[in-house]
Amino acid sequence: MSTTRGYTATKDQLLARLARIEGQIRGIEGMVRDDRYCIEVLTQITAAQAALDKVALGLLDDHAHHCVLGARTARERDEKTDELMAAVGRLMGRG
């Protein structure tokens, strides 16, 4: 039996976005291989991080709408909310 996730409806878009990010990372690898200027590499890293952040925010939104609001009991909703807040904390805490 297949489980429906919050992102199931947009899974193809999510996979396409992740494939583009993967391409960005390969591009950064090529820049390093080609000895490109440090700031140019850092700029591309920032762009890749921003793209990943956008994916993460979309997943958080999906989790809030599908998993938290769709919880069957108050206890399950509390557990899903705790998971959501822990995920937000991990995203904000990255250094």
PDB file of N, CA and C in Angstrom:
ATOM      1  N   MET A   1       0.840  -1.184   0.000  1.00  0.00           N
ATOM      2  CA  MET A   1       0.000   0.000   0.000  1.00  0.00           C
ATOM      3  C   MET A   1       0.888   1.252   0.000  1.00  0.00           C
ATOM      4  N   SER A   2       0.590   2.178  -0.862  1.00  0.00           N
ATOM      5  CA  SER A   2       1.358   3.406  -0.987  1.00  0.00           C
ATOM      6  C   SER A   2       0.850   4.460  -0.007  1.00  0.00           C
ATOM      7  N   THR A   3       1.779   5.144   0.644  1.00  0.00           N
ATOM      8  CA  THR A   3       1.424   6.199   1.588  1.00  0.00           C
ATOM      9  C   THR A   3       1.359   7.525   0.859  1.00  0.00           C
ATOM     10  N   THR A   4       0.331   8.298   1.135  1.00  0.00           N
ATOM     11  CA  THR A   4       0.213   9.624   0.556  1.00  0.00           C
ATOM     12  C   THR A   4       0.947  10.611   1.455  1.00  0.00           C
ATOM     13  N   ARG A   5       1.853  11.324   0.872  1.00  0.00           N
ATOM     14  CA  ARG A   5       2.614  12.356   1.591  1.00  0.00           C
ATOM     15  C   ARG A   5       2.072  13.728   1.215  1.00  0.00           C
ATOM     16  N   GLY A   6       2.452  14.719   1.986  1.00  0.00           N
ATOM     17  CA  GLY A   6       1.996  16.077   1.712  1.00  0.00           C
ATOM     18  C   GLY A   6       2.429  16.585   0.352  1.00  0.00           C
ATOM     19  N   TYR A   7       3.530  16.087  -0.153  1.00  0.00           N
ATOM     20  CA  TYR A   7       4.059  16.548  -1.439  1.00  0.00           C
ATOM     21  C   TYR A   7       3.651  15.663  -2.606  1.00  0.00           C
ATOM     22  N   THR A   8       2.824  14.660  -2.368  1.00  0.00           N
ATOM     23  CA  THR A   8       2.466  13.703  -3.418  1.00  0.00           C
ATOM     24  C   THR A   8       1.914  14.391  -4.655  1.00  0.00           C
ATOM     25  N   ALA A   9       1.059  15.390  -4.482  1.00  0.00           N
ATOM     26  CA  ALA A   9       0.436  16.066  -5.621  1.00  0.00           C
ATOM     27  C   ALA A   9       1.446  16.829  -6.473  1.00  0.00           C
ATOM     28  N   THR A  10       2.558  17.243  -5.875  1.00  0.00           N
ATOM     29  CA  THR A  10       3.559  18.025  -6.608  1.00  0.00           C
ATOM     30  C   THR A  10       4.894  17.281  -6.719  1.00  0.00           C
ATOM     31  N   LYS A  11       4.845  15.969  -6.577  1.00  0.00           N
ATOM     32  CA  LYS A  11       6.074  15.171  -6.563  1.00  0.00           C
ATOM     33  C   LYS A  11       6.908  15.362  -7.833  1.00  0.00           C
ATOM     34  N   ASP A  12       6.272  15.395  -8.991  1.00  0.00           N
ATOM     35  CA  ASP A  12       7.019  15.574 -10.241  1.00  0.00           C
ATOM     36  C   ASP A  12       7.729  16.920 -10.275  1.00  0.00           C
ATOM     37  N   GLN A  13       7.054  17.968  -9.806  1.00  0.00           N
ATOM     38  CA  GLN A  13       7.676  19.292  -9.750  1.00  0.00           C
ATOM     39  C   GLN A  13       8.833  19.299  -8.763  1.00  0.00           C
ATOM     40  N   LEU A  14       8.648  18.642  -7.634  1.00  0.00           N
ATOM     41  CA  LEU A  14       9.694  18.557  -6.620  1.00  0.00           C
ATOM     42  C   LEU A  14      10.919  17.836  -7.176  1.00  0.00           C
ATOM     43  N   LEU A  15      10.694  16.722  -7.854  1.00  0.00           N
ATOM     44  CA  LEU A  15      11.817  15.975  -8.445  1.00  0.00           C
ATOM     45  C   LEU A  15      12.530  16.788  -9.518  1.00  0.00           C
ATOM     46  N   ALA A  16      11.779  17.533 -10.308  1.00  0.00           N
ATOM     47  CA  ALA A  16      12.397  18.374 -11.340  1.00  0.00           C
ATOM     48  C   ALA A  16      13.250  19.470 -10.707  1.00  0.00           C
ATOM     49  N   ARG A  17      12.732  20.076  -9.646  1.00  0.00           N
ATOM     50  CA  ARG A  17      13.486  21.126  -8.952  1.00  0.00           C
ATOM     51  C   ARG A  17      14.772  20.554  -8.345  1.00  0.00           C
ATOM     52  N   LEU A  18      14.667  19.372  -7.743  1.00  0.00           N
ATOM     53  CA  LEU A  18      15.853  18.731  -7.162  1.00  0.00           C
ATOM     54  C   LEU A  18      16.870  18.361  -8.243  1.00  0.00           C
ATOM     55  N   ALA A  19      16.402  17.966  -9.399  1.00  0.00           N
ATOM     56  CA  ALA A  19      17.316  17.662 -10.508  1.00  0.00           C
ATOM     57  C   ALA A  19      18.060  18.923 -10.955  1.00  0.00           C
ATOM     58  N   ARG A  20      17.355  20.060 -10.975  1.00  0.00           N
ATOM     59  CA  ARG A  20      18.026  21.324 -11.328  1.00  0.00           C
ATOM     60  C   ARG A  20      19.078  21.685 -10.284  1.00  0.00           C
ATOM     61  N   ILE A  21      18.745  21.473  -9.023  1.00  0.00           N
ATOM     62  CA  ILE A  21      19.704  21.755  -7.945  1.00  0.00           C
ATOM     63  C   ILE A  21      20.910  20.834  -8.073  1.00  0.00           C
ATOM     64  N   GLU A  22      20.659  19.584  -8.400  1.00  0.00           N
ATOM     65  CA  GLU A  22      21.766  18.649  -8.622  1.00  0.00           C
ATOM     66  C   GLU A  22      22.676  19.162  -9.740  1.00  0.00           C
ATOM     67  N   GLY A  23      22.072  19.706 -10.786  1.00  0.00           N
ATOM     68  CA  GLY A  23      22.856  20.296 -11.869  1.00  0.00           C
ATOM     69  C   GLY A  23      23.663  21.493 -11.399  1.00  0.00           C
ATOM     70  N   GLN A  24      23.063  22.308 -10.525  1.00  0.00           N
ATOM     71  CA  GLN A  24      23.795  23.444  -9.963  1.00  0.00           C
ATOM     72  C   GLN A  24      25.024  22.958  -9.194  1.00  0.00           C
ATOM     73  N   ILE A  25      24.851  21.902  -8.418  1.00  0.00           N
ATOM     74  CA  ILE A  25      25.959  21.376  -7.621  1.00  0.00           C
ATOM     75  C   ILE A  25      27.054  20.856  -8.537  1.00  0.00           C
ATOM     76  N   ARG A  26      26.658  20.166  -9.592  1.00  0.00           N
ATOM     77  CA  ARG A  26      27.672  19.701 -10.559  1.00  0.00           C
ATOM     78  C   ARG A  26      28.401  20.883 -11.199  1.00  0.00           C
ATOM     79  N   GLY A  27      27.652  21.959 -11.452  1.00  0.00           N
ATOM     80  CA  GLY A  27      28.269  23.166 -12.004  1.00  0.00           C
ATOM     81  C   GLY A  27      29.289  23.763 -11.044  1.00  0.00           C
ATOM     82  N   ILE A  28      28.973  23.763  -9.771  1.00  0.00           N
ATOM     83  CA  ILE A  28      29.909  24.261  -8.758  1.00  0.00           C
ATOM     84  C   ILE A  28      31.151  23.381  -8.733  1.00  0.00           C
ATOM     85  N   GLU A  29      30.944  22.089  -8.792  1.00  0.00           N
ATOM     86  CA  GLU A  29      32.082  21.165  -8.834  1.00  0.00           C
ATOM     87  C   GLU A  29      32.979  21.480 -10.030  1.00  0.00           C
ATOM     88  N   GLY A  30      32.364  21.741 -11.181  1.00  0.00           N
ATOM     89  CA  GLY A  30      33.134  22.099 -12.370  1.00  0.00           C
ATOM     90  C   GLY A  30      33.881  23.408 -12.203  1.00  0.00           C
ATOM     91  N   MET A  31      33.256  24.352 -11.523  1.00  0.00           N
ATOM     92  CA  MET A  31      33.922  25.633 -11.279  1.00  0.00           C
ATOM     93  C   MET A  31      35.177  25.430 -10.446  1.00  0.00           C
ATOM     94  N   VAL A  32      35.081  24.594  -9.427  1.00  0.00           N
ATOM     95  CA  VAL A  32      36.250  24.320  -8.578  1.00  0.00           C
ATOM     96  C   VAL A  32      37.313  23.603  -9.408  1.00  0.00           C
ATOM     97  N   ARG A  33      36.879  22.624 -10.186  1.00  0.00           N
ATOM     98  CA  ARG A  33      37.818  21.885 -11.035  1.00  0.00           C
ATOM     99  C   ARG A  33      38.553  22.830 -11.991  1.00  0.00           C
ATOM    100  N   ASP A  34      37.832  23.861 -12.471  1.00  0.00           N
ATOM    101  CA  ASP A  34      38.405  24.811 -13.429  1.00  0.00           C
ATOM    102  C   ASP A  34      39.105  25.988 -12.761  1.00  0.00           C
ATOM    103  N   ASP A  35      39.256  25.908 -11.425  1.00  0.00           N
ATOM    104  CA  ASP A  35      39.932  26.966 -10.667  1.00  0.00           C
ATOM    105  C   ASP A  35      39.299  28.340 -10.855  1.00  0.00           C
ATOM    106  N   ARG A  36      37.973  28.392 -10.810  1.00  0.00           N
ATOM    107  CA  ARG A  36      37.276  29.669 -10.932  1.00  0.00           C
ATOM    108  C   ARG A  36      37.489  30.509  -9.682  1.00  0.00           C
ATOM    109  N   TYR A  37      37.272  31.789  -9.811  1.00  0.00           N
ATOM    110  CA  TYR A  37      37.454  32.759  -8.741  1.00  0.00           C
ATOM    111  C   TYR A  37      36.562  32.399  -7.551  1.00  0.00           C
ATOM    112  N   CYS A  38      37.111  32.496  -6.354  1.00  0.00           N
ATOM    113  CA  CYS A  38      36.429  32.085  -5.113  1.00  0.00           C
ATOM    114  C   CYS A  38      35.034  32.689  -4.979  1.00  0.00           C
ATOM    115  N   ILE A  39      34.921  33.979  -5.217  1.00  0.00           N
ATOM    116  CA  ILE A  39      33.644  34.662  -5.034  1.00  0.00           C
ATOM    117  C   ILE A  39      32.602  34.145  -6.016  1.00  0.00           C
ATOM    118  N   GLU A  40      33.014  33.794  -7.220  1.00  0.00           N
ATOM    119  CA  GLU A  40      32.077  33.216  -8.186  1.00  0.00           C
ATOM    120  C   GLU A  40      31.551  31.875  -7.681  1.00  0.00           C
ATOM    121  N   VAL A  41      32.426  31.060  -7.108  1.00  0.00           N
ATOM    122  CA  VAL A  41      32.020  29.769  -6.560  1.00  0.00           C
ATOM    123  C   VAL A  41      31.070  29.987  -5.391  1.00  0.00           C
ATOM    124  N   LEU A  42      31.430  30.897  -4.494  1.00  0.00           N
ATOM    125  CA  LEU A  42      30.583  31.184  -3.338  1.00  0.00           C
ATOM    126  C   LEU A  42      29.208  31.698  -3.760  1.00  0.00           C
ATOM    127  N   THR A  43      29.164  32.503  -4.799  1.00  0.00           N
ATOM    128  CA  THR A  43      27.891  33.007  -5.311  1.00  0.00           C
ATOM    129  C   THR A  43      27.008  31.862  -5.775  1.00  0.00           C
ATOM    130  N   GLN A  44      27.600  30.909  -6.456  1.00  0.00           N
ATOM    131  CA  GLN A  44      26.831  29.759  -6.929  1.00  0.00           C
ATOM    132  C   GLN A  44      26.391  28.855  -5.773  1.00  0.00           C
ATOM    133  N   ILE A  45      27.225  28.740  -4.758  1.00  0.00           N
ATOM    134  CA  ILE A  45      26.841  27.972  -3.568  1.00  0.00           C
ATOM    135  C   ILE A  45      25.645  28.630  -2.894  1.00  0.00           C
ATOM    136  N   THR A  46      25.665  29.945  -2.794  1.00  0.00           N
ATOM    137  CA  THR A  46      24.546  30.678  -2.203  1.00  0.00           C
ATOM    138  C   THR A  46      23.268  30.441  -2.996  1.00  0.00           C
ATOM    139  N   ALA A  47      23.371  30.439  -4.313  1.00  0.00           N
ATOM    140  CA  ALA A  47      22.196  30.194  -5.158  1.00  0.00           C
ATOM    141  C   ALA A  47      21.658  28.773  -4.949  1.00  0.00           C
ATOM    142  N   ALA A  48      22.546  27.801  -4.828  1.00  0.00           N
ATOM    143  CA  ALA A  48      22.121  26.415  -4.600  1.00  0.00           C
ATOM    144  C   ALA A  48      21.454  26.278  -3.228  1.00  0.00           C
ATOM    145  N   GLN A  49      22.018  26.945  -2.228  1.00  0.00           N
ATOM    146  CA  GLN A  49      21.415  26.911  -0.893  1.00  0.00           C
ATOM    147  C   GLN A  49      20.025  27.541  -0.910  1.00  0.00           C
ATOM    148  N   ALA A  50      19.887  28.638  -1.633  1.00  0.00           N
ATOM    149  CA  ALA A  50      18.580  29.298  -1.726  1.00  0.00           C
ATOM    150  C   ALA A  50      17.567  28.382  -2.407  1.00  0.00           C
ATOM    151  N   ALA A  51      18.001  27.675  -3.430  1.00  0.00           N
ATOM    152  CA  ALA A  51      17.109  26.742  -4.122  1.00  0.00           C
ATOM    153  C   ALA A  51      16.689  25.604  -3.190  1.00  0.00           C
ATOM    154  N   LEU A  52      17.626  25.080  -2.408  1.00  0.00           N
ATOM    155  CA  LEU A  52      17.291  24.037  -1.435  1.00  0.00           C
ATOM    156  C   LEU A  52      16.365  24.569  -0.359  1.00  0.00           C
ATOM    157  N   ASP A  53      16.593  25.802   0.081  1.00  0.00           N
ATOM    158  CA  ASP A  53      15.716  26.419   1.081  1.00  0.00           C
ATOM    159  C   ASP A  53      14.287  26.522   0.555  1.00  0.00           C
ATOM    160  N   LYS A  54      14.143  26.872  -0.712  1.00  0.00           N
ATOM    161  CA  LYS A  54      12.815  26.980  -1.307  1.00  0.00           C
ATOM    162  C   LYS A  54      12.123  25.619  -1.324  1.00  0.00           C
ATOM    163  N   VAL A  55      12.867  24.571  -1.655  1.00  0.00           N
ATOM    164  CA  VAL A  55      12.313  23.219  -1.613  1.00  0.00           C
ATOM    165  C   VAL A  55      11.903  22.872  -0.182  1.00  0.00           C
ATOM    166  N   ALA A  56      12.773  23.175   0.771  1.00  0.00           N
ATOM    167  CA  ALA A  56      12.488  22.863   2.173  1.00  0.00           C
ATOM    168  C   ALA A  56      11.242  23.599   2.658  1.00  0.00           C
ATOM    169  N   LEU A  57      11.100  24.859   2.310  1.00  0.00           N
ATOM    170  CA  LEU A  57       9.920  25.619   2.726  1.00  0.00           C
ATOM    171  C   LEU A  57       8.652  25.042   2.120  1.00  0.00           C
ATOM    172  N   GLY A  58       8.738  24.601   0.883  1.00  0.00           N
ATOM    173  CA  GLY A  58       7.589  23.959   0.257  1.00  0.00           C
ATOM    174  C   GLY A  58       7.208  22.678   0.974  1.00  0.00           C
ATOM    175  N   LEU A  59       8.207  21.892   1.352  1.00  0.00           N
ATOM    176  CA  LEU A  59       7.938  20.659   2.084  1.00  0.00           C
ATOM    177  C   LEU A  59       7.355  20.953   3.465  1.00  0.00           C
ATOM    178  N   LEU A  60       7.847  21.990   4.125  1.00  0.00           N
ATOM    179  CA  LEU A  60       7.283  22.388   5.412  1.00  0.00           C
ATOM    180  C   LEU A  60       5.815  22.795   5.263  1.00  0.00           C
ATOM    181  N   ASP A  61       5.524  23.537   4.221  1.00  0.00           N
ATOM    182  CA  ASP A  61       4.151  23.950   3.950  1.00  0.00           C
ATOM    183  C   ASP A  61       3.266  22.728   3.702  1.00  0.00           C
ATOM    184  N   ASP A  62       3.764  21.823   2.885  1.00  0.00           N
ATOM    185  CA  ASP A  62       3.014  20.589   2.621  1.00  0.00           C
ATOM    186  C   ASP A  62       2.779  19.806   3.907  1.00  0.00           C
ATOM    187  N   HIS A  63       3.799  19.717   4.751  1.00  0.00           N
ATOM    188  CA  HIS A  63       3.675  18.988   6.005  1.00  0.00           C
ATOM    189  C   HIS A  63       2.618  19.650   6.898  1.00  0.00           C
ATOM    190  N   ALA A  64       2.658  20.968   6.972  1.00  0.00           N
ATOM    191  CA  ALA A  64       1.690  21.682   7.807  1.00  0.00           C
ATOM    192  C   ALA A  64       0.264  21.448   7.324  1.00  0.00           C
ATOM    193  N   HIS A  65       0.058  21.547   6.026  1.00  0.00           N
ATOM    194  CA  HIS A  65      -1.297  21.418   5.488  1.00  0.00           C
ATOM    195  C   HIS A  65      -1.785  19.978   5.437  1.00  0.00           C
ATOM    196  N   HIS A  66      -0.926  19.063   5.118  1.00  0.00           N
ATOM    197  CA  HIS A  66      -1.347  17.674   4.941  1.00  0.00           C
ATOM    198  C   HIS A  66      -1.234  16.873   6.233  1.00  0.00           C
ATOM    199  N   CYS A  67      -0.079  16.911   6.838  1.00  0.00           N
ATOM    200  CA  CYS A  67       0.181  16.045   7.996  1.00  0.00           C
ATOM    201  C   CYS A  67      -0.357  16.627   9.303  1.00  0.00           C
ATOM    202  N   VAL A  68      -0.090  17.908   9.538  1.00  0.00           N
ATOM    203  CA  VAL A  68      -0.537  18.512  10.796  1.00  0.00           C
ATOM    204  C   VAL A  68      -2.046  18.721  10.776  1.00  0.00           C
ATOM    205  N   LEU A  69      -2.530  19.438   9.783  1.00  0.00           N
ATOM    206  CA  LEU A  69      -3.967  19.718   9.740  1.00  0.00           C
ATOM    207  C   LEU A  69      -4.787  18.467   9.448  1.00  0.00           C
ATOM    208  N   GLY A  70      -4.177  17.484   8.814  1.00  0.00           N
ATOM    209  CA  GLY A  70      -4.882  16.248   8.497  1.00  0.00           C
ATOM    210  C   GLY A  70      -4.814  15.197   9.586  1.00  0.00           C
ATOM    211  N   ALA A  71      -4.182  15.520  10.689  1.00  0.00           N
ATOM    212  CA  ALA A  71      -4.066  14.561  11.789  1.00  0.00           C
ATOM    213  C   ALA A  71      -5.454  14.190  12.298  1.00  0.00           C
ATOM    214  N   ARG A  72      -5.597  12.928  12.680  1.00  0.00           N
ATOM    215  CA  ARG A  72      -6.911  12.422  13.099  1.00  0.00           C
ATOM    216  C   ARG A  72      -7.257  12.754  14.543  1.00  0.00           C
ATOM    217  N   THR A  73      -6.237  12.913  15.381  1.00  0.00           N
ATOM    218  CA  THR A  73      -6.482  13.174  16.800  1.00  0.00           C
ATOM    219  C   THR A  73      -5.666  14.383  17.241  1.00  0.00           C
ATOM    220  N   ALA A  74      -6.040  14.939  18.370  1.00  0.00           N
ATOM    221  CA  ALA A  74      -5.285  16.070  18.921  1.00  0.00           C
ATOM    222  C   ALA A  74      -3.865  15.639  19.267  1.00  0.00           C
ATOM    223  N   ARG A  75      -3.719  14.435  19.774  1.00  0.00           N
ATOM    224  CA  ARG A  75      -2.381  13.931  20.125  1.00  0.00           C
ATOM    225  C   ARG A  75      -1.511  13.793  18.876  1.00  0.00           C
ATOM    226  N   GLU A  76      -2.071  13.239  17.815  1.00  0.00           N
ATOM    227  CA  GLU A  76      -1.322  13.102  16.567  1.00  0.00           C
ATOM    228  C   GLU A  76      -0.970  14.477  16.003  1.00  0.00           C
ATOM    229  N   ARG A  77      -1.908  15.435  16.087  1.00  0.00           N
ATOM    230  CA  ARG A  77      -1.645  16.798  15.605  1.00  0.00           C
ATOM    231  C   ARG A  77      -0.512  17.429  16.400  1.00  0.00           C
ATOM    232  N   ASP A  78      -0.500  17.221  17.715  1.00  0.00           N
ATOM    233  CA  ASP A  78       0.582  17.744  18.549  1.00  0.00           C
ATOM    234  C   ASP A  78       1.925  17.123  18.154  1.00  0.00           C
ATOM    235  N   GLU A  79       1.936  15.823  17.907  1.00  0.00           N
ATOM    236  CA  GLU A  79       3.174  15.143  17.501  1.00  0.00           C
ATOM    237  C   GLU A  79       3.673  15.673  16.157  1.00  0.00           C
ATOM    238  N   LYS A  80       2.749  15.852  15.216  1.00  0.00           N
ATOM    239  CA  LYS A  80       3.124  16.363  13.891  1.00  0.00           C
ATOM    240  C   LYS A  80       3.593  17.815  13.980  1.00  0.00           C
ATOM    241  N   THR A  81       2.979  18.587  14.858  1.00  0.00           N
ATOM    242  CA  THR A  81       3.406  19.975  15.060  1.00  0.00           C
ATOM    243  C   THR A  81       4.811  20.009  15.658  1.00  0.00           C
ATOM    244  N   ASP A  82       5.069  19.124  16.614  1.00  0.00           N
ATOM    245  CA  ASP A  82       6.413  19.043  17.205  1.00  0.00           C
ATOM    246  C   ASP A  82       7.447  18.680  16.138  1.00  0.00           C
ATOM    247  N   GLU A  83       7.107  17.736  15.268  1.00  0.00           N
ATOM    248  CA  GLU A  83       8.013  17.373  14.163  1.00  0.00           C
ATOM    249  C   GLU A  83       8.275  18.573  13.263  1.00  0.00           C
ATOM    250  N   LEU A  84       7.209  19.308  12.952  1.00  0.00           N
ATOM    251  CA  LEU A  84       7.324  20.486  12.097  1.00  0.00           C
ATOM    252  C   LEU A  84       8.256  21.516  12.718  1.00  0.00           C
ATOM    253  N   MET A  85       8.049  21.803  13.992  1.00  0.00           N
ATOM    254  CA  MET A  85       8.871  22.813  14.654  1.00  0.00           C
ATOM    255  C   MET A  85      10.323  22.365  14.787  1.00  0.00           C
ATOM    256  N   ALA A  86      10.552  21.079  15.003  1.00  0.00           N
ATOM    257  CA  ALA A  86      11.927  20.571  15.054  1.00  0.00           C
ATOM    258  C   ALA A  86      12.596  20.724  13.693  1.00  0.00           C
ATOM    259  N   ALA A  87      11.855  20.464  12.635  1.00  0.00           N
ATOM    260  CA  ALA A  87      12.409  20.622  11.281  1.00  0.00           C
ATOM    261  C   ALA A  87      12.736  22.087  11.000  1.00  0.00           C
ATOM    262  N   VAL A  88      11.856  22.987  11.408  1.00  0.00           N
ATOM    263  CA  VAL A  88      12.114  24.429  11.240  1.00  0.00           C
ATOM    264  C   VAL A  88      13.380  24.814  12.007  1.00  0.00           C
ATOM    265  N   GLY A  89      13.488  24.310  13.230  1.00  0.00           N
ATOM    266  CA  GLY A  89      14.676  24.605  14.028  1.00  0.00           C
ATOM    267  C   GLY A  89      15.954  24.129  13.375  1.00  0.00           C
ATOM    268  N   ARG A  90      15.912  22.931  12.796  1.00  0.00           N
ATOM    269  CA  ARG A  90      17.112  22.416  12.108  1.00  0.00           C
ATOM    270  C   ARG A  90      17.446  23.269  10.893  1.00  0.00           C
ATOM    271  N   LEU A  91      16.444  23.703  10.161  1.00  0.00           N
ATOM    272  CA  LEU A  91      16.698  24.542   8.989  1.00  0.00           C
ATOM    273  C   LEU A  91      17.293  25.887   9.384  1.00  0.00           C
ATOM    274  N   MET A  92      16.778  26.470  10.445  1.00  0.00           N
ATOM    275  CA  MET A  92      17.264  27.781  10.879  1.00  0.00           C
ATOM    276  C   MET A  92      18.620  27.698  11.546  1.00  0.00           C
ATOM    277  N   GLY A  93      18.945  26.542  12.102  1.00  0.00           N
ATOM    278  CA  GLY A  93      20.170  26.406  12.856  1.00  0.00           C
ATOM    279  C   GLY A  93      21.390  26.052  12.047  1.00  0.00           C
ATOM    280  N   ARG A  94      21.206  25.871  10.751  1.00  0.00           N
ATOM    281  CA  ARG A  94      22.378  25.468   9.970  1.00  0.00           C
ATOM    282  C   ARG A  94      23.382  26.605   9.909  1.00  0.00           C
ATOM    283  N   GLY A  95      24.639  26.253   9.950  1.00  0.00           N
ATOM    284  CA  GLY A  95      25.672  27.280  10.000  1.00  0.00           C
ATOM    285  C   GLY A  95      26.472  27.278   8.784  1.00  0.00           C
TER     286      GLY A  95
END
